[in-house]
Amino acid sequence: MEPFPRLAAPWFALGTAIALRWKESTKAKWSAGGFALGWLLFFPNAPYILTDVVHVTSRAQRHFWPDLVLILLFALAGLILGFLSLFVMQRLVVRRFGWVAGWGFVAAAATLNGFGVYAGRFLRWNSWDVVVAPWNIAREGTRWVLSMPHTPRAFLLPMLFAALMFIAYVMLYGLTHLGHWPAQPTASGSPPHRGSQE
């Protein structure tokens, strides 16, 4: 198990760097595009921590619950950091292309993320392999895609991971935006003044 190194992965820092660079010159925006590719590359490390529960087995009864709780704590922290970086990226897309495009970006990122988690857990790929072993990734990736018609699990599991990521993000987004919902109307039919009851 390696939850802490994955928790310290740079997806949140990359998302912040993109937001800062995007406000600068056109030349800086090109570098922001490079940061965005790096963010997308490392983003699957956030939910990947959840799959480390596979290492917790009932055979180690003495350590089962401590191991499980520790993994879930790291997974929760990693997911929150991942969702924060996704929110930063979504805001950038919304400002540039609108609300619909922003949620389309979230759906696309969640889908790619699902395939990234599957590749990390079952194909044993690492984010760095795209740089240090691109030909291996291309060869194994082609074999993976060609196997999907004969092995539905190779497609369905990534989609399940993607659905989990998307639904969890939508739930967190909704919870953090509860304060933006309209207040309950008063008996007179008009909403209460903010300063009167807060």
Protein backbone atom coordinates (compact mmCIF):
# COMPACT_ATOMS: atom_id res chain seq x y z
CA MET A 1 0.00 0.00 0.00
CA GLU A 2 1.23 3.48 -0.84
CA PRO A 3 -1.51 5.96 0.13
CA PHE A 4 0.68 8.85 1.30
CA PRO A 5 2.81 9.24 -1.87
CA ARG A 6 -0.37 9.23 -3.94
CA LEU A 7 -1.96 11.73 -1.57
CA ALA A 8 0.99 14.05 -2.17
CA ALA A 9 0.61 13.77 -5.96
CA PRO A 10 0.63 17.14 -7.74
CA TRP A 11 -2.88 17.27 -9.23
CA PHE A 12 -4.08 20.04 -6.89
CA ALA A 13 -0.90 22.10 -7.39
CA LEU A 14 -1.25 21.71 -11.16
CA GLY A 15 -4.86 22.87 -11.06
CA THR A 16 -3.89 25.95 -9.06
CA ALA A 17 -1.00 26.70 -11.44
CA ILE A 18 -3.36 26.51 -14.42
CA ALA A 19 -5.77 28.97 -12.79
CA LEU A 20 -2.95 31.43 -12.11
CA ARG A 21 -1.35 31.16 -15.54
CA TRP A 22 -4.66 31.45 -17.37
CA LYS A 23 -5.10 35.01 -16.13
CA GLU A 24 -1.84 36.13 -17.70
CA SER A 25 -0.66 36.63 -21.28
CA THR A 26 -1.39 34.46 -24.31
CA LYS A 27 2.07 32.92 -24.03
CA ALA A 28 1.31 31.96 -20.42
CA LYS A 29 -1.92 30.32 -21.57
CA TRP A 30 0.10 27.96 -23.76
CA SER A 31 2.00 26.84 -20.68
CA ALA A 32 -1.35 26.56 -18.88
CA GLY A 33 -2.35 24.05 -21.58
CA GLY A 34 0.74 22.00 -20.71
CA PHE A 35 -0.19 22.15 -17.04
CA ALA A 36 -3.71 20.99 -17.98
CA LEU A 37 -2.33 17.90 -19.71
CA GLY A 38 -0.20 17.19 -16.66
CA TRP A 39 -3.23 17.62 -14.41
CA LEU A 40 -5.26 15.20 -16.51
CA LEU A 41 -2.38 12.72 -16.39
CA PHE A 42 -2.11 12.74 -12.59
CA PHE A 43 -5.79 13.23 -11.78
CA PRO A 44 -6.64 9.48 -11.60
CA ASN A 45 -4.27 9.16 -8.63
CA ALA A 46 -6.91 10.87 -6.47
CA PRO A 47 -9.62 8.17 -6.65
CA TYR A 48 -7.07 5.40 -7.17
CA ILE A 49 -6.41 5.42 -3.42
CA LEU A 50 -9.87 3.93 -2.92
CA THR A 51 -8.81 0.80 -4.76
CA ASP A 52 -6.08 0.18 -2.17
CA VAL A 53 -8.78 -1.47 -0.03
CA VAL A 54 -7.97 -4.56 -2.10
CA HIS A 55 -4.94 -4.98 0.15
CA VAL A 56 -7.10 -5.23 3.27
CA THR A 57 -8.02 -8.86 3.82
CA SER A 58 -9.87 -10.62 6.61
CA ARG A 59 -6.86 -12.90 7.10
CA ALA A 60 -5.13 -10.13 9.05
CA GLN A 61 -7.81 -9.78 11.70
CA ARG A 62 -5.61 -7.78 14.09
CA HIS A 63 -4.93 -5.06 11.54
CA PHE A 64 -8.09 -5.22 9.44
CA TRP A 65 -9.95 -2.24 10.89
CA PRO A 66 -6.93 0.05 11.45
CA ASP A 67 -5.75 -0.63 7.89
CA LEU A 68 -9.21 -0.05 6.46
CA VAL A 69 -9.74 3.22 8.35
CA LEU A 70 -6.30 4.54 7.40
CA ILE A 71 -6.83 3.77 3.72
CA LEU A 72 -10.27 5.37 3.77
CA LEU A 73 -8.88 8.48 5.50
CA PHE A 74 -6.18 8.88 2.86
CA ALA A 75 -8.72 8.13 0.14
CA LEU A 76 -11.10 10.79 1.46
CA ALA A 77 -8.33 13.39 1.64
CA GLY A 78 -7.15 12.46 -1.85
CA LEU A 79 -10.66 12.68 -3.26
CA ILE A 80 -11.26 16.11 -1.71
CA LEU A 81 -8.00 17.43 -3.18
CA GLY A 82 -8.90 15.88 -6.53
CA PHE A 83 -12.38 17.40 -6.46
CA LEU A 84 -10.96 20.82 -5.56
CA SER A 85 -8.64 20.68 -8.55
CA LEU A 86 -11.53 19.52 -10.76
CA PHE A 87 -13.62 22.44 -9.50
CA VAL A 88 -10.81 24.87 -10.42
CA MET A 89 -10.65 23.40 -13.91
CA GLN A 90 -14.42 23.44 -14.29
CA ARG A 91 -14.55 27.12 -13.34
CA LEU A 92 -11.99 27.94 -16.02
CA VAL A 93 -14.02 26.10 -18.66
CA VAL A 94 -17.26 27.76 -17.53
CA ARG A 95 -15.72 31.24 -17.78
CA ARG A 96 -14.48 30.55 -21.27
CA PHE A 97 -17.24 28.40 -22.81
CA GLY A 98 -20.25 28.46 -20.50
CA TRP A 99 -22.04 26.34 -17.90
CA VAL A 100 -22.96 23.43 -20.19
CA ALA A 101 -19.39 23.08 -21.42
CA GLY A 102 -18.18 23.15 -17.82
CA TRP A 103 -20.29 20.14 -16.86
CA GLY A 104 -19.40 18.44 -20.12
CA PHE A 105 -15.76 18.85 -19.09
CA VAL A 106 -16.51 17.28 -15.69
CA ALA A 107 -18.21 14.30 -17.36
CA ALA A 108 -15.31 13.85 -19.79
CA ALA A 109 -12.73 14.13 -17.00
CA ALA A 110 -14.64 11.59 -14.90
CA THR A 111 -14.78 9.18 -17.85
CA LEU A 112 -11.07 9.45 -18.59
CA ASN A 113 -10.45 9.18 -14.87
CA GLY A 114 -12.36 5.90 -14.74
CA PHE A 115 -10.17 4.41 -17.44
CA GLY A 116 -7.09 5.78 -15.67
CA VAL A 117 -8.04 4.12 -12.39
CA TYR A 118 -8.64 0.82 -14.18
CA ALA A 119 -5.30 1.08 -15.99
CA GLY A 120 -3.50 1.76 -12.73
CA ARG A 121 -5.12 -1.02 -10.74
CA PHE A 122 -5.43 -3.84 -13.29
CA LEU A 123 -2.87 -2.99 -15.99
CA ARG A 124 -0.39 -1.63 -13.42
CA TRP A 125 0.27 1.56 -15.35
CA ASN A 126 1.76 4.59 -13.66
CA SER A 127 1.17 8.23 -14.60
CA TRP A 128 4.88 8.59 -15.37
CA ASP A 129 4.75 5.72 -17.88
CA VAL A 130 3.27 8.08 -20.47
CA VAL A 131 6.60 9.94 -20.41
CA VAL A 132 9.13 7.17 -19.68
CA ALA A 133 7.51 4.30 -21.60
CA PRO A 134 5.09 5.76 -24.19
CA TRP A 135 5.53 2.89 -26.66
CA ASN A 136 4.60 0.34 -24.02
CA ILE A 137 1.52 2.37 -23.16
CA ALA A 138 0.55 2.56 -26.85
CA ARG A 139 1.02 -1.18 -27.34
CA GLU A 140 -0.76 -2.23 -24.15
CA GLY A 141 -3.48 0.36 -24.72
CA THR A 142 -4.19 -0.96 -28.20
CA ARG A 143 -4.38 -4.49 -26.83
CA TRP A 144 -6.73 -3.28 -24.10
CA VAL A 145 -9.11 -1.58 -26.56
CA LEU A 146 -9.13 -4.59 -28.88
CA SER A 147 -9.97 -6.89 -25.97
CA MET A 148 -13.08 -4.93 -24.93
CA PRO A 149 -15.55 -6.73 -27.29
CA HIS A 150 -14.42 -10.07 -25.87
CA THR A 151 -13.91 -8.91 -22.27
CA PRO A 152 -16.79 -6.58 -21.26
CA ARG A 153 -15.19 -6.14 -17.83
CA ALA A 154 -12.39 -4.14 -19.47
CA PHE A 155 -14.98 -1.51 -20.46
CA LEU A 156 -17.65 -1.82 -17.76
CA LEU A 157 -15.33 -1.47 -14.77
CA PRO A 158 -13.81 1.81 -16.03
CA MET A 159 -17.32 3.13 -16.62
CA LEU A 160 -18.30 2.16 -13.07
CA PHE A 161 -15.27 4.02 -11.73
CA ALA A 162 -16.25 7.00 -13.90
CA ALA A 163 -19.84 6.95 -12.61
CA LEU A 164 -18.61 6.79 -9.02
CA MET A 165 -16.33 9.78 -9.59
CA PHE A 166 -18.98 11.85 -11.36
CA ILE A 167 -21.74 11.15 -8.83
CA ALA A 168 -19.44 11.81 -5.87
CA TYR A 169 -18.36 15.13 -7.41
CA VAL A 170 -21.96 16.17 -8.10
CA MET A 171 -22.91 15.35 -4.49
CA LEU A 172 -20.01 17.37 -3.09
CA TYR A 173 -20.75 20.22 -5.51
CA GLY A 174 -24.38 20.25 -4.39
CA LEU A 175 -23.48 20.22 -0.70
CA THR A 176 -21.01 23.08 -1.05
CA HIS A 177 -23.55 25.17 -2.97
CA LEU A 178 -26.44 24.81 -0.54
CA GLY A 179 -25.95 28.43 0.55
CA HIS A 180 -26.75 29.60 -2.98
CA TRP A 181 -30.26 28.16 -2.91
CA PRO A 182 -33.05 30.72 -2.57
CA ALA A 183 -34.25 31.33 0.97
CA GLN A 184 -37.72 30.26 2.08
CA PRO A 185 -40.29 32.98 1.46
CA THR A 186 -41.88 34.73 4.43
CA ALA A 187 -45.60 34.80 5.11
CA SER A 188 -45.87 37.88 2.92
CA GLY A 189 -44.40 35.96 -0.01
CA SER A 190 -41.11 37.87 -0.22
CA PRO A 191 -37.76 36.34 0.78
CA PRO A 192 -36.35 37.48 4.14
CA HIS A 193 -33.57 40.02 4.26
CA ARG A 194 -30.15 38.46 4.80
CA GLY A 195 -29.24 40.72 7.68
CA SER A 196 -32.48 40.22 9.60
CA GLN A 197 -32.08 36.59 10.65
CA GLU A 198 -28.40 35.76 10.20
